[in-house]
Amino acid sequence: MSKQLSILAVLLLLTLQADAFAGKPVQDPYFVKMKGFKVLSFNTSKIEFASTAVFYNTYNNRAKLQEVDIDVYVEDKYIGKVTNAEDIPVNKLSAFDVPLLLTLEPPGPAVRDALWQGSRLMYGKKLKIRYTGHIKLKVLGFLPIKVRIDDDLYYSMYAN
C-alpha cells in the first residue's frame, strides 16, 4: 500500500510541477498580429484565402503546434473556419508563423453576400477581415497551452 502511495505522490508532484519543468514564464505565449492576407482563387466553384498568424513563444522550451481553430469573418459576416494544422516546430523564446488557409467549396449565400460587400476592393476601398479562435501548442510533448486570437485585418488590393 505504501508503494502505491509513494507512486501516487510522485505523480501528483510531477503534475503540479509541470509548469516549472516547462520553464513557465510570467506571461503565456501570445498572439502578435495577422499578416499577408491573399485571395488565392476566386470563382463560382471555389474561393481560397490565405494569411499568416504570428505568435510569440514565451517558454524557455521548444513546442509544437497541435491544433488550429479560427473563425473567419468578412465585413462582420461569418464565412468559415480554419482548422488546418501543419506540423510546425516552435522554437523557444521566439516568434513563429502559422499559415492559415480557408477554402470554400462551393461558397454559400452568406459567403457570397460577404464577398459582394467586398467588391468595393475594386474601387480601392479596404475590406475588413476578422479572425477569432485559438491555437493549441504542446510544450515538452505533453503540456497543452491554448493561445487566443482575436484580430481585425484590413485588406486593400492597392497599396495606400
N, C-alpha and C. Protein backbone atom coordinates (compact mmCIF):
# COMPACT_ATOMS: atom_id res chain seq x y z
N MET A 1 0.82 -1.20 0.00
CA MET A 1 0.00 0.00 0.00
C MET A 1 0.86 1.26 0.00
N SER A 2 1.96 1.27 0.78
CA SER A 2 2.81 2.45 0.85
C SER A 2 3.54 2.69 -0.48
N LYS A 3 3.82 1.59 -1.23
CA LYS A 3 4.46 1.74 -2.53
C LYS A 3 3.51 2.46 -3.50
N GLN A 4 2.23 2.12 -3.46
CA GLN A 4 1.24 2.76 -4.33
C GLN A 4 1.08 4.23 -3.94
N LEU A 5 1.11 4.52 -2.63
CA LEU A 5 1.00 5.91 -2.18
C LEU A 5 2.20 6.73 -2.62
N SER A 6 3.41 6.15 -2.55
CA SER A 6 4.59 6.90 -2.98
C SER A 6 4.56 7.16 -4.48
N ILE A 7 4.08 6.20 -5.27
CA ILE A 7 3.97 6.41 -6.72
C ILE A 7 2.95 7.51 -7.00
N LEU A 8 1.82 7.47 -6.29
CA LEU A 8 0.79 8.50 -6.45
C LEU A 8 1.32 9.88 -6.06
N ALA A 9 2.09 9.95 -4.97
CA ALA A 9 2.66 11.22 -4.52
C ALA A 9 3.63 11.78 -5.55
N VAL A 10 4.46 10.92 -6.13
CA VAL A 10 5.42 11.36 -7.15
C VAL A 10 4.68 11.87 -8.39
N LEU A 11 3.64 11.15 -8.83
CA LEU A 11 2.86 11.58 -9.99
C LEU A 11 2.17 12.92 -9.73
N LEU A 12 1.64 13.08 -8.52
CA LEU A 12 0.99 14.34 -8.15
C LEU A 12 1.99 15.49 -8.14
N LEU A 13 3.17 15.24 -7.60
CA LEU A 13 4.22 16.26 -7.56
C LEU A 13 4.64 16.64 -8.98
N LEU A 14 4.81 15.66 -9.87
CA LEU A 14 5.18 15.95 -11.25
C LEU A 14 4.10 16.76 -11.96
N THR A 15 2.84 16.43 -11.70
CA THR A 15 1.74 17.16 -12.31
C THR A 15 1.72 18.60 -11.84
N LEU A 16 1.92 18.82 -10.56
CA LEU A 16 1.91 20.17 -10.01
C LEU A 16 3.11 20.98 -10.47
N GLN A 17 4.21 20.31 -10.76
CA GLN A 17 5.43 21.00 -11.17
C GLN A 17 5.62 21.03 -12.68
N ALA A 18 4.61 20.65 -13.46
CA ALA A 18 4.74 20.62 -14.93
C ALA A 18 5.12 21.98 -15.47
N ASP A 19 4.55 23.05 -14.90
CA ASP A 19 4.89 24.39 -15.36
C ASP A 19 6.36 24.72 -15.08
N ALA A 20 6.87 24.25 -13.96
CA ALA A 20 8.26 24.50 -13.62
C ALA A 20 9.18 23.77 -14.60
N PHE A 21 8.83 22.53 -14.96
CA PHE A 21 9.63 21.77 -15.91
C PHE A 21 9.62 22.43 -17.28
N ALA A 22 8.53 23.06 -17.63
CA ALA A 22 8.40 23.69 -18.94
C ALA A 22 9.02 25.08 -18.96
N GLY A 23 9.61 25.51 -17.85
CA GLY A 23 10.19 26.85 -17.81
C GLY A 23 9.09 27.89 -17.90
N LYS A 24 8.03 27.71 -17.11
CA LYS A 24 6.85 28.56 -17.16
C LYS A 24 7.23 30.03 -17.02
N PRO A 25 6.94 30.84 -18.05
CA PRO A 25 7.26 32.26 -17.97
C PRO A 25 6.18 33.02 -17.21
N VAL A 26 6.43 34.29 -17.00
CA VAL A 26 5.45 35.15 -16.33
C VAL A 26 4.22 35.30 -17.20
N GLN A 27 4.42 35.34 -18.53
CA GLN A 27 3.32 35.51 -19.48
C GLN A 27 3.25 34.29 -20.39
N ASP A 28 2.03 33.84 -20.70
CA ASP A 28 1.85 32.72 -21.61
C ASP A 28 2.17 33.15 -23.04
N PRO A 29 2.39 32.19 -23.95
CA PRO A 29 2.56 32.56 -25.35
C PRO A 29 1.38 33.42 -25.80
N TYR A 30 1.63 34.32 -26.72
CA TYR A 30 0.58 35.25 -27.10
C TYR A 30 0.57 35.51 -28.61
N PHE A 31 -0.59 35.97 -29.07
CA PHE A 31 -0.80 36.36 -30.46
C PHE A 31 -0.17 37.72 -30.68
N VAL A 32 0.55 37.90 -31.82
CA VAL A 32 1.19 39.17 -32.14
C VAL A 32 0.37 39.93 -33.19
N LYS A 33 0.18 39.32 -34.37
CA LYS A 33 -0.55 40.01 -35.44
C LYS A 33 -0.90 39.04 -36.57
N MET A 34 -1.79 39.50 -37.44
CA MET A 34 -2.10 38.81 -38.69
C MET A 34 -1.34 39.54 -39.79
N LYS A 35 -0.91 38.79 -40.80
CA LYS A 35 -0.22 39.43 -41.92
C LYS A 35 -0.44 38.63 -43.20
N GLY A 36 -0.16 39.26 -44.32
CA GLY A 36 -0.13 38.59 -45.60
C GLY A 36 -1.44 38.01 -46.10
N PHE A 37 -2.55 38.72 -45.94
CA PHE A 37 -3.83 38.21 -46.46
C PHE A 37 -3.78 38.21 -47.99
N LYS A 38 -4.20 37.09 -48.60
CA LYS A 38 -4.23 36.97 -50.06
C LYS A 38 -5.47 36.21 -50.48
N VAL A 39 -6.00 36.56 -51.62
CA VAL A 39 -7.06 35.78 -52.25
C VAL A 39 -6.35 34.89 -53.27
N LEU A 40 -6.31 33.58 -53.02
CA LEU A 40 -5.59 32.67 -53.90
C LEU A 40 -6.41 32.30 -55.13
N SER A 41 -7.70 32.06 -54.94
CA SER A 41 -8.58 31.78 -56.08
C SER A 41 -9.97 32.31 -55.76
N PHE A 42 -10.66 32.72 -56.82
CA PHE A 42 -11.98 33.31 -56.64
C PHE A 42 -12.79 33.01 -57.89
N ASN A 43 -13.63 31.96 -57.80
CA ASN A 43 -14.53 31.64 -58.90
C ASN A 43 -15.79 31.00 -58.33
N THR A 44 -16.71 30.60 -59.18
CA THR A 44 -18.01 30.10 -58.71
C THR A 44 -17.91 28.74 -58.02
N SER A 45 -16.85 27.99 -58.27
CA SER A 45 -16.75 26.67 -57.65
C SER A 45 -15.87 26.64 -56.41
N LYS A 46 -14.97 27.61 -56.28
CA LYS A 46 -14.05 27.57 -55.14
C LYS A 46 -13.48 28.96 -54.86
N ILE A 47 -13.42 29.28 -53.56
CA ILE A 47 -12.77 30.52 -53.12
C ILE A 47 -11.74 30.12 -52.07
N GLU A 48 -10.51 30.61 -52.23
CA GLU A 48 -9.44 30.30 -51.27
C GLU A 48 -8.79 31.59 -50.77
N PHE A 49 -8.67 31.67 -49.44
CA PHE A 49 -7.99 32.79 -48.79
C PHE A 49 -6.78 32.23 -48.04
N ALA A 50 -5.70 32.99 -47.99
CA ALA A 50 -4.53 32.61 -47.21
C ALA A 50 -4.07 33.81 -46.41
N SER A 51 -3.55 33.54 -45.23
CA SER A 51 -2.96 34.58 -44.40
C SER A 51 -2.02 33.90 -43.41
N THR A 52 -1.34 34.69 -42.62
CA THR A 52 -0.39 34.16 -41.64
C THR A 52 -0.64 34.81 -40.29
N ALA A 53 -0.72 33.98 -39.27
CA ALA A 53 -0.86 34.48 -37.89
C ALA A 53 0.52 34.38 -37.23
N VAL A 54 0.93 35.45 -36.57
CA VAL A 54 2.23 35.48 -35.90
C VAL A 54 2.00 35.40 -34.39
N PHE A 55 2.70 34.50 -33.73
CA PHE A 55 2.62 34.31 -32.28
C PHE A 55 4.02 34.39 -31.69
N TYR A 56 4.09 34.54 -30.37
CA TYR A 56 5.39 34.54 -29.68
C TYR A 56 5.37 33.48 -28.58
N ASN A 57 6.37 32.58 -28.62
CA ASN A 57 6.52 31.55 -27.60
C ASN A 57 7.36 32.10 -26.45
N THR A 58 6.76 32.30 -25.30
CA THR A 58 7.45 32.86 -24.14
C THR A 58 8.13 31.77 -23.29
N TYR A 59 7.95 30.52 -23.67
CA TYR A 59 8.55 29.42 -22.91
C TYR A 59 10.02 29.24 -23.26
N ASN A 60 10.78 28.78 -22.29
CA ASN A 60 12.20 28.51 -22.48
C ASN A 60 12.39 27.09 -23.00
N ASN A 61 11.38 26.55 -23.63
CA ASN A 61 11.42 25.21 -24.23
C ASN A 61 10.77 25.26 -25.60
N ARG A 62 11.19 24.33 -26.44
CA ARG A 62 10.55 24.20 -27.75
C ARG A 62 9.14 23.67 -27.57
N ALA A 63 8.31 23.93 -28.55
CA ALA A 63 6.92 23.44 -28.53
C ALA A 63 6.56 22.97 -29.93
N LYS A 64 5.35 22.45 -30.06
CA LYS A 64 4.86 22.01 -31.36
C LYS A 64 3.40 22.42 -31.49
N LEU A 65 3.04 22.90 -32.69
CA LEU A 65 1.66 23.26 -32.95
C LEU A 65 0.81 22.00 -32.96
N GLN A 66 -0.28 22.01 -32.19
CA GLN A 66 -1.14 20.84 -32.07
C GLN A 66 -2.49 21.05 -32.76
N GLU A 67 -3.04 22.26 -32.69
CA GLU A 67 -4.40 22.49 -33.19
C GLU A 67 -4.58 23.94 -33.61
N VAL A 68 -5.37 24.13 -34.68
CA VAL A 68 -5.77 25.47 -35.12
C VAL A 68 -7.29 25.47 -35.22
N ASP A 69 -7.94 26.42 -34.58
CA ASP A 69 -9.40 26.53 -34.62
C ASP A 69 -9.76 28.02 -34.66
N ILE A 70 -9.89 28.57 -35.87
CA ILE A 70 -10.10 30.01 -36.03
C ILE A 70 -11.29 30.26 -36.95
N ASP A 71 -12.22 31.11 -36.50
CA ASP A 71 -13.35 31.54 -37.33
C ASP A 71 -12.94 32.78 -38.12
N VAL A 72 -13.41 32.86 -39.37
CA VAL A 72 -13.07 33.98 -40.24
C VAL A 72 -14.35 34.71 -40.63
N TYR A 73 -14.31 36.04 -40.52
CA TYR A 73 -15.44 36.90 -40.88
C TYR A 73 -14.97 37.91 -41.91
N VAL A 74 -15.81 38.18 -42.90
CA VAL A 74 -15.55 39.24 -43.87
C VAL A 74 -16.65 40.27 -43.69
N GLU A 75 -16.25 41.50 -43.39
CA GLU A 75 -17.22 42.57 -43.12
C GLU A 75 -18.28 42.11 -42.10
N ASP A 76 -17.83 41.48 -41.02
CA ASP A 76 -18.65 41.02 -39.90
C ASP A 76 -19.63 39.90 -40.24
N LYS A 77 -19.45 39.24 -41.37
CA LYS A 77 -20.28 38.09 -41.73
C LYS A 77 -19.41 36.84 -41.71
N TYR A 78 -19.86 35.83 -40.97
CA TYR A 78 -19.10 34.58 -40.85
C TYR A 78 -19.00 33.90 -42.21
N ILE A 79 -17.76 33.55 -42.61
CA ILE A 79 -17.60 32.85 -43.88
C ILE A 79 -17.01 31.45 -43.74
N GLY A 80 -16.36 31.15 -42.62
CA GLY A 80 -15.81 29.81 -42.48
C GLY A 80 -14.85 29.68 -41.32
N LYS A 81 -14.32 28.47 -41.19
CA LYS A 81 -13.44 28.11 -40.08
C LYS A 81 -12.15 27.53 -40.63
N VAL A 82 -11.03 27.99 -40.06
CA VAL A 82 -9.72 27.43 -40.39
C VAL A 82 -9.40 26.40 -39.32
N THR A 83 -9.22 25.16 -39.73
CA THR A 83 -8.90 24.11 -38.76
C THR A 83 -7.65 23.34 -39.14
N ASN A 84 -7.00 23.74 -40.22
CA ASN A 84 -5.81 23.01 -40.63
C ASN A 84 -4.67 23.26 -39.66
N ALA A 85 -3.88 22.25 -39.43
CA ALA A 85 -2.72 22.39 -38.56
C ALA A 85 -1.55 21.65 -39.19
N GLU A 86 -0.54 22.39 -39.54
CA GLU A 86 0.66 21.77 -40.08
C GLU A 86 1.55 21.38 -38.90
N ASP A 87 2.51 20.54 -39.17
CA ASP A 87 3.46 20.12 -38.15
C ASP A 87 4.53 21.20 -38.05
N ILE A 88 4.23 22.22 -37.24
CA ILE A 88 5.13 23.38 -37.13
C ILE A 88 5.89 23.33 -35.82
N PRO A 89 7.22 23.19 -35.89
CA PRO A 89 8.01 23.26 -34.66
C PRO A 89 8.11 24.73 -34.21
N VAL A 90 8.09 24.94 -32.91
CA VAL A 90 8.11 26.28 -32.34
C VAL A 90 9.36 26.39 -31.46
N ASN A 91 10.27 27.27 -31.85
CA ASN A 91 11.50 27.45 -31.08
C ASN A 91 11.22 28.18 -29.77
N LYS A 92 12.10 28.00 -28.80
CA LYS A 92 11.92 28.66 -27.51
C LYS A 92 12.20 30.15 -27.63
N LEU A 93 11.47 30.92 -26.85
CA LEU A 93 11.65 32.37 -26.76
C LEU A 93 11.76 33.04 -28.13
N SER A 94 10.80 32.73 -29.02
CA SER A 94 10.86 33.33 -30.35
C SER A 94 9.46 33.44 -30.97
N ALA A 95 9.38 34.28 -31.99
CA ALA A 95 8.13 34.43 -32.75
C ALA A 95 8.03 33.27 -33.74
N PHE A 96 6.80 32.88 -34.06
CA PHE A 96 6.61 31.83 -35.07
C PHE A 96 5.35 32.13 -35.87
N ASP A 97 5.37 31.72 -37.13
CA ASP A 97 4.26 31.95 -38.06
C ASP A 97 3.41 30.70 -38.20
N VAL A 98 2.10 30.90 -38.25
CA VAL A 98 1.16 29.80 -38.51
C VAL A 98 0.41 30.16 -39.80
N PRO A 99 0.71 29.45 -40.91
CA PRO A 99 -0.01 29.73 -42.15
C PRO A 99 -1.46 29.26 -42.04
N LEU A 100 -2.39 30.10 -42.48
CA LEU A 100 -3.81 29.77 -42.42
C LEU A 100 -4.37 29.73 -43.84
N LEU A 101 -5.16 28.71 -44.13
CA LEU A 101 -5.78 28.58 -45.44
C LEU A 101 -7.25 28.27 -45.25
N LEU A 102 -8.10 29.07 -45.88
CA LEU A 102 -9.54 28.86 -45.82
C LEU A 102 -10.03 28.60 -47.23
N THR A 103 -10.62 27.40 -47.45
CA THR A 103 -11.14 27.02 -48.75
C THR A 103 -12.64 26.85 -48.63
N LEU A 104 -13.38 27.49 -49.54
CA LEU A 104 -14.83 27.41 -49.55
C LEU A 104 -15.27 26.79 -50.87
N GLU A 105 -15.86 25.58 -50.80
CA GLU A 105 -16.30 24.85 -52.00
C GLU A 105 -17.68 24.28 -51.78
N PRO A 106 -18.71 24.62 -52.44
CA PRO A 106 -18.91 25.89 -53.13
C PRO A 106 -19.28 26.95 -52.11
N PRO A 107 -19.06 28.20 -52.42
CA PRO A 107 -19.39 29.25 -51.46
C PRO A 107 -20.91 29.37 -51.27
N GLY A 108 -21.36 29.45 -50.03
CA GLY A 108 -22.79 29.56 -49.73
C GLY A 108 -23.28 30.99 -49.84
N PRO A 109 -24.60 31.20 -49.61
CA PRO A 109 -25.18 32.54 -49.73
C PRO A 109 -24.55 33.57 -48.80
N ALA A 110 -24.25 33.19 -47.56
CA ALA A 110 -23.65 34.14 -46.60
C ALA A 110 -22.27 34.57 -47.09
N VAL A 111 -21.54 33.63 -47.64
CA VAL A 111 -20.20 33.94 -48.14
C VAL A 111 -20.31 34.85 -49.36
N ARG A 112 -21.20 34.53 -50.27
CA ARG A 112 -21.37 35.37 -51.46
C ARG A 112 -21.78 36.79 -51.07
N ASP A 113 -22.66 36.91 -50.07
CA ASP A 113 -23.09 38.23 -49.61
C ASP A 113 -21.92 39.00 -49.01
N ALA A 114 -21.13 38.33 -48.17
CA ALA A 114 -19.97 38.99 -47.55
C ALA A 114 -18.98 39.42 -48.61
N LEU A 115 -18.76 38.58 -49.59
CA LEU A 115 -17.80 38.92 -50.63
C LEU A 115 -18.34 39.99 -51.58
N TRP A 116 -19.66 40.02 -51.75
CA TRP A 116 -20.25 41.08 -52.55
C TRP A 116 -19.97 42.43 -51.90
N GLN A 117 -20.07 42.45 -50.55
CA GLN A 117 -19.71 43.67 -49.82
C GLN A 117 -18.24 44.00 -50.08
N GLY A 118 -17.45 42.95 -50.26
CA GLY A 118 -16.03 43.13 -50.51
C GLY A 118 -15.71 43.59 -51.92
N SER A 119 -16.72 43.67 -52.77
CA SER A 119 -16.48 44.10 -54.14
C SER A 119 -15.97 45.54 -54.20
N ARG A 120 -16.11 46.25 -53.12
CA ARG A 120 -15.61 47.63 -53.08
C ARG A 120 -14.09 47.68 -53.15
N LEU A 121 -13.44 46.50 -53.06
CA LEU A 121 -11.99 46.43 -53.23
C LEU A 121 -11.58 46.98 -54.59
N MET A 122 -12.43 46.75 -55.59
CA MET A 122 -12.12 47.21 -56.94
C MET A 122 -12.02 48.73 -57.01
N TYR A 123 -12.64 49.40 -56.06
CA TYR A 123 -12.63 50.86 -56.05
C TYR A 123 -11.60 51.41 -55.06
N GLY A 124 -10.70 50.55 -54.61
CA GLY A 124 -9.64 51.00 -53.72
C GLY A 124 -10.03 51.06 -52.25
N LYS A 125 -11.21 50.59 -51.90
CA LYS A 125 -11.65 50.59 -50.50
C LYS A 125 -11.00 49.42 -49.77
N LYS A 126 -11.03 49.47 -48.44
CA LYS A 126 -10.48 48.40 -47.62
C LYS A 126 -11.56 47.42 -47.21
N LEU A 127 -11.16 46.15 -47.08
CA LEU A 127 -12.06 45.07 -46.69
C LEU A 127 -11.65 44.61 -45.28
N LYS A 128 -12.61 44.51 -44.38
CA LYS A 128 -12.33 44.10 -43.00
C LYS A 128 -12.42 42.58 -42.89
N ILE A 129 -11.31 41.95 -42.47
CA ILE A 129 -11.26 40.51 -42.23
C ILE A 129 -11.06 40.33 -40.73
N ARG A 130 -11.91 39.54 -40.09
CA ARG A 130 -11.82 39.32 -38.64
C ARG A 130 -11.49 37.86 -38.37
N TYR A 131 -10.55 37.62 -37.47
CA TYR A 131 -10.14 36.28 -37.06
C TYR A 131 -10.39 36.13 -35.57
N THR A 132 -11.13 35.10 -35.16
CA THR A 132 -11.33 34.81 -33.74
C THR A 132 -11.19 33.30 -33.53
N GLY A 133 -10.61 32.92 -32.42
CA GLY A 133 -10.45 31.50 -32.11
C GLY A 133 -9.22 31.26 -31.28
N HIS A 134 -8.54 30.13 -31.55
CA HIS A 134 -7.34 29.80 -30.78
C HIS A 134 -6.44 28.84 -31.56
N ILE A 135 -5.20 28.75 -31.08
CA ILE A 135 -4.32 27.66 -31.48
C ILE A 135 -3.91 26.96 -30.20
N LYS A 136 -3.49 25.72 -30.33
CA LYS A 136 -3.03 24.98 -29.15
C LYS A 136 -1.62 24.48 -29.43
N LEU A 137 -0.73 24.73 -28.47
CA LEU A 137 0.66 24.26 -28.54
C LEU A 137 0.87 23.15 -27.54
N LYS A 138 1.86 22.30 -27.80
CA LYS A 138 2.27 21.28 -26.84
C LYS A 138 3.71 21.57 -26.46
N VAL A 139 3.94 21.85 -25.17
CA VAL A 139 5.28 22.11 -24.66
C VAL A 139 5.77 20.84 -23.99
N LEU A 140 7.02 20.49 -24.24
CA LEU A 140 7.63 19.27 -23.71
C LEU A 140 6.87 18.01 -24.12
N GLY A 141 6.10 18.09 -25.19
CA GLY A 141 5.40 16.92 -25.70
C GLY A 141 4.14 16.54 -24.96
N PHE A 142 3.82 17.22 -23.85
CA PHE A 142 2.62 16.82 -23.10
C PHE A 142 1.85 17.99 -22.49
N LEU A 143 2.44 19.14 -22.32
CA LEU A 143 1.79 20.25 -21.64
C LEU A 143 1.05 21.12 -22.66
N PRO A 144 -0.31 21.05 -22.71
CA PRO A 144 -1.04 21.83 -23.72
C PRO A 144 -1.21 23.30 -23.29
N ILE A 145 -0.97 24.20 -24.23
CA ILE A 145 -1.11 25.64 -24.00
C ILE A 145 -2.04 26.18 -25.08
N LYS A 146 -3.12 26.84 -24.68
CA LYS A 146 -4.06 27.41 -25.63
C LYS A 146 -3.79 28.91 -25.74
N VAL A 147 -3.65 29.39 -27.00
CA VAL A 147 -3.38 30.81 -27.25
C VAL A 147 -4.56 31.39 -28.03
N ARG A 148 -5.21 32.38 -27.46
CA ARG A 148 -6.37 33.02 -28.08
C ARG A 148 -5.95 33.96 -29.20
N ILE A 149 -6.83 34.10 -30.19
CA ILE A 149 -6.62 35.05 -31.26
C ILE A 149 -7.92 35.80 -31.49
N ASP A 150 -7.83 37.11 -31.59
CA ASP A 150 -8.98 37.96 -31.86
C ASP A 150 -8.42 39.21 -32.51
N ASP A 151 -8.51 39.28 -33.85
CA ASP A 151 -7.85 40.38 -34.54
C ASP A 151 -8.61 40.76 -35.80
N ASP A 152 -8.53 42.02 -36.16
CA ASP A 152 -9.08 42.53 -37.41
C ASP A 152 -7.92 42.89 -38.32
N LEU A 153 -8.09 42.57 -39.58
CA LEU A 153 -7.09 42.91 -40.59
C LEU A 153 -7.83 43.63 -41.70
N TYR A 154 -7.28 44.73 -42.15
CA TYR A 154 -7.91 45.49 -43.23
C TYR A 154 -7.10 45.26 -44.50
N TYR A 155 -7.77 44.73 -45.51
CA TYR A 155 -7.11 44.34 -46.74
C TYR A 155 -7.50 45.29 -47.87
N SER A 156 -6.52 45.69 -48.65
CA SER A 156 -6.77 46.54 -49.81
C SER A 156 -5.98 45.97 -50.98
N MET A 157 -6.58 45.98 -52.17
CA MET A 157 -5.90 45.47 -53.35
C MET A 157 -4.76 46.38 -53.78
N TYR A 158 -4.86 47.64 -53.44
CA TYR A 158 -3.88 48.62 -53.88
C TYR A 158 -3.16 49.18 -52.67
N ALA A 159 -1.87 49.37 -52.78
CA ALA A 159 -1.10 49.94 -51.67
C ALA A 159 -1.51 51.40 -51.47
N ASN A 160 -1.75 51.74 -50.21
CA ASN A 160 -2.15 53.13 -49.90
C ASN A 160 -0.98 53.88 -49.30
